[in-house]
């Protein structure tokens, strides 16, 4: 696939709504995943519970959506 094709595809993807872009991004990243680790689900469940306990205890440092988006944009533009 050439640069022109990728540029056209990128332009079309960026014209999608935020929800459509999020769904597309999810599907693209998912297509790159290797076969699932048998223990991954259990490990994620444990991590999620640990983080929820941290939030409930007030020890987690939370970031609002706008701040997260800003940080992600900065990281992406730096690469």
Protein backbone atom coordinates (compact mmCIF):
# COMPACT_ATOMS: atom_id res chain seq x y z
CA UNK A 1 0.00 0.00 0.00
CA UNK A 2 1.50 3.33 -1.03
CA UNK A 3 1.81 6.59 0.86
CA UNK A 4 -1.01 8.19 -1.15
CA UNK A 5 -3.34 5.33 -0.24
CA UNK A 6 -2.43 5.60 3.44
CA UNK A 7 -2.89 9.38 3.36
CA UNK A 8 -6.35 8.97 1.79
CA UNK A 9 -7.31 6.29 4.30
CA UNK A 10 -6.05 8.45 7.20
CA UNK A 11 -8.02 11.45 5.92
CA UNK A 12 -11.20 9.39 5.60
CA UNK A 13 -10.73 7.90 9.07
CA UNK A 14 -10.23 11.33 10.64
CA UNK A 15 -13.48 12.52 9.03
CA UNK A 16 -15.41 9.90 11.03
CA UNK A 17 -17.22 10.81 14.23
CA UNK A 18 -15.36 10.36 17.52
CA UNK A 19 -17.33 7.20 18.27
CA UNK A 20 -16.64 5.74 14.83
CA UNK A 21 -12.91 6.55 15.13
CA UNK A 22 -12.82 4.90 18.56
CA UNK A 23 -14.49 1.77 17.18
CA UNK A 24 -12.11 1.69 14.21
CA UNK A 25 -9.08 2.17 16.47
CA UNK A 26 -10.27 -0.64 18.73
CA UNK A 27 -10.68 -3.00 15.79
CA UNK A 28 -7.29 -2.08 14.30
CA UNK A 29 -5.44 -2.58 17.58
CA UNK A 30 -7.33 -5.81 18.19
CA UNK A 31 -6.23 -7.06 14.75
CA UNK A 32 -2.60 -6.70 15.90
CA UNK A 33 -3.04 -8.74 19.08
CA UNK A 34 -1.42 -12.10 19.35
CA UNK A 35 -3.47 -15.08 20.57
CA UNK A 36 -4.83 -14.35 24.04
CA UNK A 37 -2.81 -15.44 27.05
CA UNK A 38 -4.86 -17.95 29.04
CA UNK A 39 -4.07 -16.08 32.28
CA UNK A 40 -4.58 -12.57 30.89
CA UNK A 41 -8.25 -12.32 31.84
CA UNK A 42 -7.57 -13.29 35.42
CA UNK A 43 -4.60 -10.91 35.64
CA UNK A 44 -6.70 -8.03 34.31
CA UNK A 45 -9.49 -8.81 36.79
CA UNK A 46 -6.98 -8.64 39.66
CA UNK A 47 -5.49 -5.38 38.36
CA UNK A 48 -8.92 -3.78 37.94
CA UNK A 49 -9.94 -4.75 41.47
CA UNK A 50 -6.64 -3.38 42.82
CA UNK A 51 -7.20 -0.08 41.05
CA UNK A 52 -10.82 0.14 42.21
CA UNK A 53 -9.71 -0.41 45.82
CA UNK A 54 -7.16 2.38 45.36
CA UNK A 55 -9.88 4.71 44.07
CA UNK A 56 -12.22 3.78 46.92
CA UNK A 57 -9.44 4.34 49.46
CA UNK A 58 -8.69 7.77 47.98
CA UNK A 59 -5.07 6.87 47.22
CA UNK A 60 -5.38 6.85 43.42
CA UNK A 61 -4.35 9.92 41.44
CA UNK A 62 -7.23 10.41 39.02
CA UNK A 63 -7.01 12.34 35.75
CA UNK A 64 -10.05 13.80 34.00
CA UNK A 65 -10.79 13.07 30.35
CA UNK A 66 -9.54 16.42 29.03
CA UNK A 67 -6.22 16.07 30.85
CA UNK A 68 -5.81 12.49 29.58
CA UNK A 69 -6.55 13.58 26.01
CA UNK A 70 -4.02 16.41 26.30
CA UNK A 71 -1.33 14.07 27.60
CA UNK A 72 -2.01 11.53 24.84
CA UNK A 73 -1.88 14.21 22.14
CA UNK A 74 1.44 15.45 23.50
CA UNK A 75 2.90 11.94 23.47
CA UNK A 76 1.63 11.23 19.98
CA UNK A 77 2.97 14.50 18.57
CA UNK A 78 6.37 13.83 20.18
CA UNK A 79 6.74 10.50 18.37
